[in-house]
Amino acid sequence: MQHTISRKGYSVKTYFKVIGCGAPIVYLHGWGCDGSIFKSVAERLPDYSNYLLDFAGFGNSGAPPANGFTVFDYADLLAEFLEKNSLKNAVIAAHSFGCRVAMVVAATRPYLVNRLLLFAPAGVRRPSFIRWCKVRAYKMGKRFKIVKKNAGSADYQATPPHLKSTFIKVVNQDLSAYARKIACKTLIIAAKQDSAVPYSAAKRVSKLIKQSEFVTVDGDHFALFYAPSAFARIIKLFAEE
């Protein structure tokens, strides 16, 4: 199924799939993935209406405009999707990049979110003078055309051309102020061997969200997807707590 959702006059076809029937759980995937990554988890929760959403630019959904989307654009699209499907007060289960979008929606539209499960949450960082220097050096290099073509992180290099502008806008946004505004019950899960979103980054998110519980699991950035039955049990217990 798909909806056409507009953002700043730009229309995006948003694809989603529903598995099961019951109270709604909305799943938000990470960067480079799509809603299907949650399919094995959702199939183990048939007593819920599991909404597997593809963000703009991923899976079967339409692409963002050439100048890219920000986290806030994605949050607006998600909010419109939830309202169009009468999914107010839903449980949201998000991974990595999806956590950024979920946090903004929970902070700015609390009536749409009942509970929030954040696995490997990204988007909150502490001030770093070294990082600031690196960013300034990179921008100056681009300005004077002395930056190598392969400059940038591994994630940036793996991002397709039509999403590079979006990637830059997304990763450069610090969502600390939004995390502080989240009032709903929140479960934060961090994987001990996660190199993409380190334990320390997830812990910072937990410290900012007042109603949050922090737990750890063994494994890497996709640890819980390797054990969909365990992931489904965690979601079910959290939704029914």
Protein backbone atom coordinates (compact mmCIF):
# COMPACT_ATOMS: atom_id res chain seq x y z
CA MET A 1 0.00 0.00 0.00
CA GLN A 2 1.06 3.57 -0.43
CA HIS A 3 0.04 7.13 0.35
CA THR A 4 1.05 10.33 -1.38
CA ILE A 5 2.24 12.76 1.28
CA SER A 6 3.30 16.35 0.67
CA ARG A 7 6.12 18.26 2.33
CA LYS A 8 6.77 21.91 1.43
CA GLY A 9 4.85 21.46 -1.81
CA TYR A 10 6.85 18.34 -2.74
CA SER A 11 4.81 15.13 -3.05
CA VAL A 12 6.30 11.80 -1.95
CA LYS A 13 4.75 8.39 -2.51
CA THR A 14 5.14 6.57 0.79
CA TYR A 15 5.00 2.78 0.68
CA PHE A 16 4.02 0.67 3.68
CA LYS A 17 2.90 -2.84 4.53
CA VAL A 18 0.61 -3.99 7.33
CA ILE A 19 1.03 -7.37 9.01
CA GLY A 20 -1.47 -8.70 11.57
CA CYS A 21 -4.52 -7.09 13.15
CA GLY A 22 -4.87 -5.31 16.47
CA ALA A 23 -3.35 -2.38 18.33
CA PRO A 24 -0.89 -0.48 16.11
CA ILE A 25 2.89 -0.75 16.21
CA VAL A 26 4.79 1.42 13.73
CA TYR A 27 8.31 0.37 12.70
CA LEU A 28 10.94 2.85 11.52
CA HIS A 29 14.02 1.46 9.78
CA GLY A 30 17.62 2.63 9.78
CA TRP A 31 19.69 4.29 7.06
CA GLY A 32 20.22 2.13 3.98
CA CYS A 33 17.39 -0.25 4.93
CA ASP A 34 13.61 -0.26 4.44
CA GLY A 35 10.55 -1.47 6.32
CA SER A 36 11.08 -5.09 5.28
CA ILE A 37 13.91 -5.42 7.79
CA PHE A 38 11.19 -5.71 10.47
CA LYS A 39 9.16 -8.33 8.55
CA SER A 40 10.38 -11.35 10.54
CA VAL A 41 9.69 -9.49 13.78
CA ALA A 42 6.21 -8.35 12.76
CA GLU A 43 5.19 -11.84 11.64
CA ARG A 44 5.72 -13.00 15.21
CA LEU A 45 3.21 -10.42 16.48
CA PRO A 46 -0.02 -11.34 14.61
CA ASP A 47 -2.23 -9.84 17.34
CA TYR A 48 -0.98 -6.35 16.46
CA SER A 49 -1.32 -4.22 13.34
CA ASN A 50 2.34 -3.95 12.40
CA TYR A 51 3.01 -1.01 10.06
CA LEU A 52 6.26 -1.43 8.11
CA LEU A 53 7.05 1.94 6.56
CA ASP A 54 9.62 2.82 3.87
CA PHE A 55 11.08 6.29 4.40
CA ALA A 56 11.36 8.60 1.39
CA GLY A 57 14.34 7.51 -0.68
CA PHE A 58 14.30 3.92 0.58
CA GLY A 59 12.55 0.73 -0.46
CA ASN A 60 9.51 1.37 -2.63
CA SER A 61 8.87 4.96 -1.50
CA GLY A 62 9.58 7.99 -3.66
CA ALA A 63 12.81 9.98 -3.41
CA PRO A 64 13.33 13.28 -1.56
CA PRO A 65 13.86 16.45 -3.63
CA ALA A 66 17.32 17.11 -5.08
CA ASN A 67 18.28 19.44 -2.21
CA GLY A 68 17.43 16.71 0.30
CA PHE A 69 15.28 16.27 3.39
CA THR A 70 16.15 17.09 7.00
CA VAL A 71 15.19 14.98 10.00
CA PHE A 72 12.35 17.44 10.53
CA ASP A 73 11.04 16.86 7.01
CA TYR A 74 10.97 13.12 7.69
CA ALA A 75 9.26 13.77 11.02
CA ASP A 76 6.57 15.85 9.29
CA LEU A 77 6.02 13.09 6.74
CA LEU A 78 5.76 10.49 9.50
CA ALA A 79 3.29 12.61 11.47
CA GLU A 80 1.11 13.04 8.39
CA PHE A 81 1.30 9.29 7.74
CA LEU A 82 0.21 8.51 11.31
CA GLU A 83 -2.69 10.96 11.14
CA LYS A 84 -3.87 9.77 7.72
CA ASN A 85 -3.98 6.19 9.01
CA SER A 86 -5.61 7.13 12.33
CA LEU A 87 -2.57 5.90 14.22
CA LYS A 88 -2.63 8.37 17.08
CA ASN A 89 -1.21 7.14 20.38
CA ALA A 90 0.74 4.35 18.66
CA VAL A 91 3.71 2.33 19.85
CA ILE A 92 6.77 3.17 17.72
CA ALA A 93 9.71 0.79 17.37
CA ALA A 94 12.68 2.44 15.65
CA HIS A 95 16.22 1.53 14.67
CA SER A 96 19.20 3.88 14.18
CA PHE A 97 18.17 6.62 11.70
CA GLY A 98 14.53 5.82 12.42
CA CYS A 99 15.17 6.79 16.04
CA ARG A 100 16.03 10.34 14.96
CA VAL A 101 12.68 10.71 13.23
CA ALA A 102 10.78 9.06 16.08
CA MET A 103 12.35 11.35 18.69
CA VAL A 104 11.35 14.51 16.83
CA VAL A 105 7.76 13.32 16.43
CA ALA A 106 7.52 12.24 20.08
CA ALA A 107 8.88 15.61 21.21
CA THR A 108 6.76 17.82 18.94
CA ARG A 109 3.56 15.77 18.63
CA PRO A 110 3.23 13.76 21.85
CA TYR A 111 -0.40 12.87 21.10
CA LEU A 112 0.81 10.61 18.27
CA VAL A 113 3.14 8.47 20.35
CA ASN A 114 2.12 6.20 23.22
CA ARG A 115 5.44 4.44 23.75
CA LEU A 116 8.83 4.62 22.13
CA LEU A 117 11.32 1.78 21.61
CA LEU A 118 14.68 3.00 20.34
CA PHE A 119 17.26 0.44 19.22
CA ALA A 120 20.71 1.97 18.59
CA PRO A 121 19.40 5.55 18.77
CA ALA A 122 21.45 8.13 16.88
CA GLY A 123 21.18 11.92 16.77
CA VAL A 124 22.57 13.13 20.10
CA ARG A 125 26.18 14.10 20.50
CA ARG A 126 28.36 16.05 22.89
CA PRO A 127 30.20 19.19 21.73
CA SER A 128 33.61 18.39 20.23
CA PHE A 129 36.24 20.94 19.25
CA ILE A 130 38.14 18.30 17.26
CA ARG A 131 35.05 17.42 15.26
CA TRP A 132 34.35 21.12 14.63
CA CYS A 133 37.88 21.53 13.26
CA LYS A 134 37.48 18.53 10.96
CA VAL A 135 34.18 19.83 9.61
CA ARG A 136 35.63 23.29 9.01
CA ALA A 137 38.65 21.79 7.23
CA TYR A 138 36.39 19.67 5.03
CA LYS A 139 34.20 22.65 4.10
CA MET A 140 37.20 24.79 3.28
CA GLY A 141 38.58 21.96 1.17
CA LYS A 142 35.35 21.77 -0.80
CA ARG A 143 35.30 25.55 -1.24
CA PHE A 144 38.78 25.60 -2.74
CA LYS A 145 38.30 22.28 -4.57
CA ILE A 146 41.09 20.45 -2.79
CA VAL A 147 38.96 17.73 -1.20
CA LYS A 148 39.42 14.29 -2.76
CA LYS A 149 36.46 12.75 -4.53
CA ASN A 150 36.36 9.85 -2.09
CA ALA A 151 36.30 12.14 0.97
CA GLY A 152 33.68 11.50 3.61
CA SER A 153 32.68 8.64 5.88
CA ALA A 154 32.06 5.08 4.74
CA ASP A 155 28.31 5.63 5.19
CA TYR A 156 28.48 8.74 3.01
CA GLN A 157 30.36 6.87 0.30
CA ALA A 158 27.80 4.04 0.38
CA THR A 159 24.89 6.47 0.07
CA PRO A 160 23.47 6.76 -3.47
CA PRO A 161 23.83 10.17 -5.17
CA HIS A 162 20.15 11.11 -4.81
CA LEU A 163 20.40 10.77 -0.99
CA LYS A 164 23.77 12.40 -0.29
CA SER A 165 22.27 15.84 0.40
CA THR A 166 19.78 14.24 2.75
CA PHE A 167 22.50 12.24 4.50
CA ILE A 168 24.55 15.38 5.21
CA LYS A 169 21.54 17.22 6.64
CA VAL A 170 20.50 14.26 8.78
CA VAL A 171 23.85 13.43 10.40
CA ASN A 172 24.69 17.06 11.15
CA GLN A 173 21.55 17.66 13.19
CA ASP A 174 21.92 17.41 16.97
CA LEU A 175 18.59 16.38 18.52
CA SER A 176 19.51 16.85 22.19
CA ALA A 177 16.87 19.54 22.73
CA TYR A 178 14.18 17.27 21.29
CA ALA A 179 15.24 14.27 23.38
CA ARG A 180 14.79 16.38 26.51
CA LYS A 181 11.17 17.12 25.55
CA ILE A 182 10.10 13.48 25.18
CA ALA A 183 7.64 12.60 27.94
CA CYS A 184 6.33 9.17 26.91
CA LYS A 185 7.58 5.85 28.27
CA THR A 186 10.77 4.99 26.34
CA LEU A 187 12.89 1.85 26.12
CA ILE A 188 16.42 2.33 24.78
CA ILE A 189 18.43 -0.68 23.63
CA ALA A 190 22.15 -0.56 22.88
CA ALA A 191 24.31 -3.33 21.42
CA LYS A 192 27.65 -3.72 23.17
CA GLN A 193 29.67 -4.26 19.98
CA ASP A 194 27.88 -1.64 17.89
CA SER A 195 30.43 0.43 15.98
CA ALA A 196 27.86 2.46 14.01
CA VAL A 197 26.08 3.85 17.08
CA PRO A 198 28.34 3.17 20.08
CA TYR A 199 27.02 2.28 23.51
CA SER A 200 28.10 5.70 24.80
CA ALA A 201 25.96 7.50 22.18
CA ALA A 202 22.85 5.51 23.10
CA LYS A 203 23.55 6.15 26.78
CA ARG A 204 23.57 9.91 26.14
CA VAL A 205 20.10 9.63 24.61
CA SER A 206 18.90 7.73 27.67
CA LYS A 207 20.18 10.43 30.03
CA LEU A 208 18.23 13.10 28.15
CA ILE A 209 14.87 11.28 28.00
CA LYS A 210 13.31 11.43 31.45
CA GLN A 211 10.94 8.45 31.18
CA SER A 212 13.49 6.09 29.67
CA GLU A 213 14.86 2.68 30.58
CA PHE A 214 18.27 1.63 29.24
CA VAL A 215 19.22 -1.97 28.47
CA THR A 216 22.08 -3.60 26.57
CA VAL A 217 22.38 -6.69 24.38
CA ASP A 218 25.35 -8.52 22.92
CA GLY A 219 26.13 -8.05 19.25
CA ASP A 220 26.52 -5.39 16.60
CA HIS A 221 24.33 -2.68 15.06
CA PHE A 222 21.81 -5.25 13.80
CA ALA A 223 21.98 -7.64 16.77
CA LEU A 224 18.25 -7.90 17.45
CA PHE A 225 17.40 -8.54 13.80
CA TYR A 226 19.45 -11.75 13.97
CA ALA A 227 17.05 -12.94 16.69
CA PRO A 228 13.58 -11.83 15.52
CA SER A 229 11.75 -13.97 18.08
CA ALA A 230 13.61 -12.28 20.92
CA PHE A 231 13.06 -8.85 19.35
CA ALA A 232 9.33 -9.57 19.02
CA ARG A 233 9.10 -10.62 22.68
CA ILE A 234 10.80 -7.40 23.76
CA ILE A 235 8.36 -5.30 21.71
CA LYS A 236 5.34 -7.25 23.01
CA LEU A 237 6.41 -6.96 26.65
CA PHE A 238 7.11 -3.25 26.25
CA ALA A 239 3.80 -2.58 24.47
CA GLU A 240 1.80 -4.42 27.13
CA GLU A 241 3.75 -3.27 30.19
